[in-house]
Amino acid sequence: MKINESEFQRLASLSSLEFSQNEKEECMKELEEFVKLADNVNGAICGEAKTIKKVSDKVLLFEDLREDEITLSEKAGSVLANGKNDGSFFTVTADN
């Protein structure tokens, strides 16, 4: 899908972003590539989301997918101890 300048300008305005002419041209190309990727992903879904078409045109049923595995993560206290906390949020400084 070709992204025209008025569509791009509208998206930039909605996003409160400003671009130079060179940045605009580069971003429009990147956005077009992203839209192509999204179209390819959308094209991989056949009918309902229960059936997903593989690249080889074989049909993969939803039931054939692996089960999600639940794993324990680190305790929140030990993770949050690395940052400053005022009760409502915490900050973590970057290591340089």
N, C-alpha and C. Protein backbone atom coordinates (compact mmCIF):
# COMPACT_ATOMS: atom_id res chain seq x y z
N MET A 1 0.85 -1.17 0.00
CA MET A 1 0.00 0.00 0.00
C MET A 1 0.89 1.23 0.00
N LYS A 2 0.66 2.10 -0.91
CA LYS A 2 1.43 3.34 -1.03
C LYS A 2 0.89 4.36 -0.03
N ILE A 3 1.78 4.94 0.76
CA ILE A 3 1.40 5.97 1.73
C ILE A 3 1.66 7.32 1.06
N ASN A 4 0.59 8.11 0.90
CA ASN A 4 0.80 9.42 0.29
C ASN A 4 1.15 10.45 1.37
N GLU A 5 1.60 11.60 0.92
CA GLU A 5 2.11 12.60 1.85
C GLU A 5 1.03 13.13 2.79
N SER A 6 -0.19 13.27 2.29
CA SER A 6 -1.25 13.80 3.16
C SER A 6 -1.61 12.80 4.27
N GLU A 7 -1.60 11.49 3.96
CA GLU A 7 -1.85 10.48 4.99
C GLU A 7 -0.73 10.51 6.03
N PHE A 8 0.50 10.60 5.55
CA PHE A 8 1.64 10.64 6.46
C PHE A 8 1.57 11.88 7.35
N GLN A 9 1.25 13.01 6.75
CA GLN A 9 1.18 14.26 7.51
C GLN A 9 0.09 14.18 8.57
N ARG A 10 -1.03 13.53 8.23
CA ARG A 10 -2.12 13.38 9.21
C ARG A 10 -1.67 12.50 10.38
N LEU A 11 -0.98 11.39 10.07
CA LEU A 11 -0.47 10.52 11.14
C LEU A 11 0.54 11.26 12.01
N ALA A 12 1.41 12.03 11.37
CA ALA A 12 2.41 12.79 12.13
C ALA A 12 1.73 13.81 13.03
N SER A 13 0.70 14.47 12.51
CA SER A 13 -0.03 15.46 13.30
C SER A 13 -0.74 14.81 14.48
N LEU A 14 -1.39 13.66 14.25
CA LEU A 14 -2.07 12.95 15.33
C LEU A 14 -1.08 12.48 16.39
N SER A 15 0.15 12.20 15.96
CA SER A 15 1.19 11.73 16.88
C SER A 15 2.00 12.86 17.48
N SER A 16 1.66 14.10 17.11
CA SER A 16 2.40 15.29 17.58
C SER A 16 3.88 15.20 17.23
N LEU A 17 4.16 14.74 16.00
CA LEU A 17 5.54 14.61 15.53
C LEU A 17 5.77 15.58 14.38
N GLU A 18 6.99 16.08 14.28
CA GLU A 18 7.38 16.94 13.18
C GLU A 18 8.59 16.35 12.50
N PHE A 19 8.65 16.42 11.16
CA PHE A 19 9.73 15.82 10.39
C PHE A 19 10.27 16.82 9.39
N SER A 20 11.57 16.76 9.15
CA SER A 20 12.15 17.52 8.04
C SER A 20 11.73 16.79 6.75
N GLN A 21 11.97 17.39 5.61
CA GLN A 21 11.58 16.75 4.35
C GLN A 21 12.32 15.43 4.16
N ASN A 22 13.62 15.39 4.49
CA ASN A 22 14.38 14.14 4.37
C ASN A 22 13.86 13.07 5.32
N GLU A 23 13.58 13.46 6.57
CA GLU A 23 13.03 12.51 7.54
C GLU A 23 11.67 12.00 7.09
N LYS A 24 10.86 12.91 6.54
CA LYS A 24 9.53 12.52 6.09
C LYS A 24 9.62 11.47 4.98
N GLU A 25 10.50 11.69 4.01
CA GLU A 25 10.64 10.74 2.91
C GLU A 25 11.11 9.39 3.41
N GLU A 26 12.09 9.37 4.33
CA GLU A 26 12.60 8.12 4.88
C GLU A 26 11.53 7.41 5.71
N CYS A 27 10.82 8.15 6.54
CA CYS A 27 9.77 7.55 7.37
C CYS A 27 8.62 7.02 6.53
N MET A 28 8.29 7.71 5.45
CA MET A 28 7.22 7.22 4.57
C MET A 28 7.61 5.88 3.96
N LYS A 29 8.88 5.73 3.57
CA LYS A 29 9.35 4.45 3.02
C LYS A 29 9.26 3.35 4.07
N GLU A 30 9.71 3.67 5.29
CA GLU A 30 9.67 2.68 6.37
C GLU A 30 8.23 2.31 6.71
N LEU A 31 7.34 3.28 6.71
CA LEU A 31 5.94 3.01 7.01
C LEU A 31 5.31 2.12 5.94
N GLU A 32 5.66 2.36 4.68
CA GLU A 32 5.16 1.51 3.60
C GLU A 32 5.63 0.07 3.78
N GLU A 33 6.90 -0.12 4.18
CA GLU A 33 7.41 -1.46 4.43
C GLU A 33 6.67 -2.12 5.59
N PHE A 34 6.38 -1.34 6.62
CA PHE A 34 5.63 -1.87 7.76
C PHE A 34 4.23 -2.30 7.34
N VAL A 35 3.57 -1.49 6.51
CA VAL A 35 2.22 -1.83 6.04
C VAL A 35 2.28 -3.10 5.19
N LYS A 36 3.32 -3.26 4.37
CA LYS A 36 3.47 -4.49 3.58
C LYS A 36 3.60 -5.70 4.49
N LEU A 37 4.41 -5.55 5.55
CA LEU A 37 4.57 -6.65 6.51
C LEU A 37 3.23 -6.99 7.16
N ALA A 38 2.50 -5.97 7.59
CA ALA A 38 1.19 -6.21 8.22
C ALA A 38 0.24 -6.89 7.23
N ASP A 39 0.27 -6.49 5.96
CA ASP A 39 -0.56 -7.14 4.95
C ASP A 39 -0.19 -8.61 4.79
N ASN A 40 1.11 -8.91 4.84
CA ASN A 40 1.55 -10.31 4.74
C ASN A 40 1.06 -11.12 5.92
N VAL A 41 1.15 -10.54 7.11
CA VAL A 41 0.67 -11.24 8.31
C VAL A 41 -0.83 -11.46 8.22
N ASN A 42 -1.56 -10.43 7.82
CA ASN A 42 -3.01 -10.57 7.67
C ASN A 42 -3.35 -11.61 6.62
N GLY A 43 -2.56 -11.70 5.56
CA GLY A 43 -2.81 -12.68 4.51
C GLY A 43 -2.54 -14.10 4.96
N ALA A 44 -1.77 -14.27 6.05
CA ALA A 44 -1.46 -15.61 6.55
C ALA A 44 -2.62 -16.21 7.33
N ILE A 45 -3.58 -15.39 7.71
CA ILE A 45 -4.71 -15.90 8.48
C ILE A 45 -5.84 -16.24 7.50
N CYS A 46 -6.28 -17.49 7.56
CA CYS A 46 -7.36 -17.95 6.68
C CYS A 46 -8.64 -18.06 7.49
N GLY A 47 -9.67 -17.38 7.09
CA GLY A 47 -10.94 -17.50 7.79
C GLY A 47 -10.81 -16.98 9.21
N GLU A 48 -11.20 -17.79 10.17
CA GLU A 48 -11.13 -17.40 11.57
C GLU A 48 -9.71 -17.57 12.09
N ALA A 49 -9.43 -17.00 13.22
CA ALA A 49 -8.10 -17.07 13.81
C ALA A 49 -7.76 -18.48 14.29
N LYS A 50 -8.70 -19.41 14.26
CA LYS A 50 -8.42 -20.78 14.68
C LYS A 50 -7.56 -21.52 13.66
N THR A 51 -7.54 -21.06 12.42
CA THR A 51 -6.76 -21.71 11.38
C THR A 51 -5.74 -20.72 10.84
N ILE A 52 -4.48 -21.08 10.92
CA ILE A 52 -3.42 -20.22 10.45
C ILE A 52 -2.68 -20.94 9.32
N LYS A 53 -2.51 -20.25 8.18
CA LYS A 53 -1.84 -20.85 7.04
C LYS A 53 -0.33 -20.68 7.20
N LYS A 54 0.41 -21.74 7.05
CA LYS A 54 1.86 -21.66 7.10
C LYS A 54 2.38 -21.22 5.74
N VAL A 55 3.63 -20.83 5.68
CA VAL A 55 4.23 -20.37 4.43
C VAL A 55 4.16 -21.46 3.37
N SER A 56 4.24 -22.72 3.76
CA SER A 56 4.21 -23.82 2.80
C SER A 56 2.79 -24.17 2.37
N ASP A 57 1.82 -23.34 2.72
CA ASP A 57 0.41 -23.53 2.39
C ASP A 57 -0.23 -24.71 3.12
N LYS A 58 0.46 -25.28 4.09
CA LYS A 58 -0.18 -26.28 4.94
C LYS A 58 -1.04 -25.53 5.94
N VAL A 59 -2.08 -26.15 6.39
CA VAL A 59 -2.95 -25.51 7.37
C VAL A 59 -2.58 -26.02 8.76
N LEU A 60 -2.38 -25.11 9.66
CA LEU A 60 -2.05 -25.43 11.03
C LEU A 60 -3.26 -25.11 11.89
N LEU A 61 -3.78 -26.11 12.58
CA LEU A 61 -4.94 -25.90 13.43
C LEU A 61 -4.51 -25.30 14.77
N PHE A 62 -5.37 -24.51 15.33
CA PHE A 62 -5.11 -23.89 16.61
C PHE A 62 -4.78 -24.93 17.67
N GLU A 63 -5.46 -26.04 17.62
CA GLU A 63 -5.27 -27.10 18.61
C GLU A 63 -3.88 -27.72 18.52
N ASP A 64 -3.20 -27.57 17.38
CA ASP A 64 -1.88 -28.15 17.20
C ASP A 64 -0.77 -27.30 17.80
N LEU A 65 -1.09 -26.10 18.23
CA LEU A 65 -0.08 -25.23 18.82
C LEU A 65 0.26 -25.68 20.23
N ARG A 66 1.43 -25.33 20.69
CA ARG A 66 1.86 -25.75 22.03
C ARG A 66 1.07 -25.02 23.10
N GLU A 67 1.00 -25.62 24.26
CA GLU A 67 0.37 -24.99 25.41
C GLU A 67 1.31 -23.93 25.98
N ASP A 68 0.76 -22.88 26.52
CA ASP A 68 1.57 -21.89 27.21
C ASP A 68 2.14 -22.50 28.47
N GLU A 69 3.38 -22.15 28.78
CA GLU A 69 4.01 -22.65 29.99
C GLU A 69 4.12 -21.49 30.99
N ILE A 70 3.62 -21.73 32.18
CA ILE A 70 3.68 -20.72 33.23
C ILE A 70 4.96 -20.94 34.02
N THR A 71 5.77 -19.89 34.13
CA THR A 71 7.00 -19.99 34.90
C THR A 71 7.02 -18.88 35.94
N LEU A 72 7.69 -19.14 37.03
CA LEU A 72 7.82 -18.13 38.08
C LEU A 72 8.89 -17.13 37.69
N SER A 73 8.61 -15.88 37.98
CA SER A 73 9.61 -14.85 37.71
C SER A 73 10.23 -14.43 39.04
N GLU A 74 11.17 -13.49 38.95
CA GLU A 74 11.80 -13.02 40.18
C GLU A 74 10.77 -12.30 41.03
N LYS A 75 10.99 -12.30 42.31
CA LYS A 75 10.06 -11.60 43.20
C LYS A 75 10.15 -10.10 42.95
N ALA A 76 9.01 -9.44 42.98
CA ALA A 76 8.95 -8.01 42.68
C ALA A 76 9.85 -7.20 43.60
N GLY A 77 9.92 -7.56 44.85
CA GLY A 77 10.72 -6.80 45.81
C GLY A 77 12.19 -6.75 45.42
N SER A 78 12.75 -7.88 44.99
CA SER A 78 14.17 -7.89 44.62
C SER A 78 14.41 -7.13 43.33
N VAL A 79 13.47 -7.13 42.43
CA VAL A 79 13.61 -6.38 41.18
C VAL A 79 13.47 -4.89 41.45
N LEU A 80 12.47 -4.51 42.22
CA LEU A 80 12.23 -3.10 42.49
C LEU A 80 13.26 -2.48 43.41
N ALA A 81 14.02 -3.30 44.13
CA ALA A 81 15.04 -2.78 45.04
C ALA A 81 16.15 -2.06 44.29
N ASN A 82 16.25 -2.28 42.99
CA ASN A 82 17.29 -1.64 42.19
C ASN A 82 16.99 -0.19 41.86
N GLY A 83 15.80 0.28 42.17
CA GLY A 83 15.44 1.65 41.80
C GLY A 83 14.98 2.46 42.98
N LYS A 84 14.86 3.77 42.78
CA LYS A 84 14.32 4.66 43.80
C LYS A 84 12.81 4.56 43.76
N ASN A 85 12.18 4.52 44.91
CA ASN A 85 10.74 4.31 44.97
C ASN A 85 10.15 5.33 45.93
N ASP A 86 9.11 6.06 45.46
CA ASP A 86 8.43 7.00 46.37
C ASP A 86 7.03 6.51 46.72
N GLY A 87 6.72 5.26 46.41
CA GLY A 87 5.41 4.69 46.74
C GLY A 87 4.47 4.63 45.56
N SER A 88 4.58 5.59 44.63
CA SER A 88 3.67 5.58 43.49
C SER A 88 4.36 5.14 42.21
N PHE A 89 5.69 5.26 42.16
CA PHE A 89 6.44 4.81 40.99
C PHE A 89 7.88 4.61 41.40
N PHE A 90 8.66 3.98 40.54
CA PHE A 90 10.08 3.83 40.81
C PHE A 90 10.87 4.20 39.57
N THR A 91 12.09 4.62 39.76
CA THR A 91 12.97 4.94 38.64
C THR A 91 14.21 4.08 38.72
N VAL A 92 14.75 3.77 37.58
CA VAL A 92 15.98 2.99 37.49
C VAL A 92 16.95 3.79 36.65
N THR A 93 18.15 3.99 37.15
CA THR A 93 19.14 4.74 36.40
C THR A 93 19.86 3.83 35.42
N ALA A 94 20.28 4.40 34.31
CA ALA A 94 20.98 3.63 33.29
C ALA A 94 22.43 3.43 33.73
N ASP A 95 22.94 2.25 33.50
CA ASP A 95 24.35 1.97 33.77
C ASP A 95 25.15 2.36 32.55
N ASN A 96 26.09 3.25 32.71
CA ASN A 96 26.92 3.70 31.57
C ASN A 96 28.29 3.12 31.65
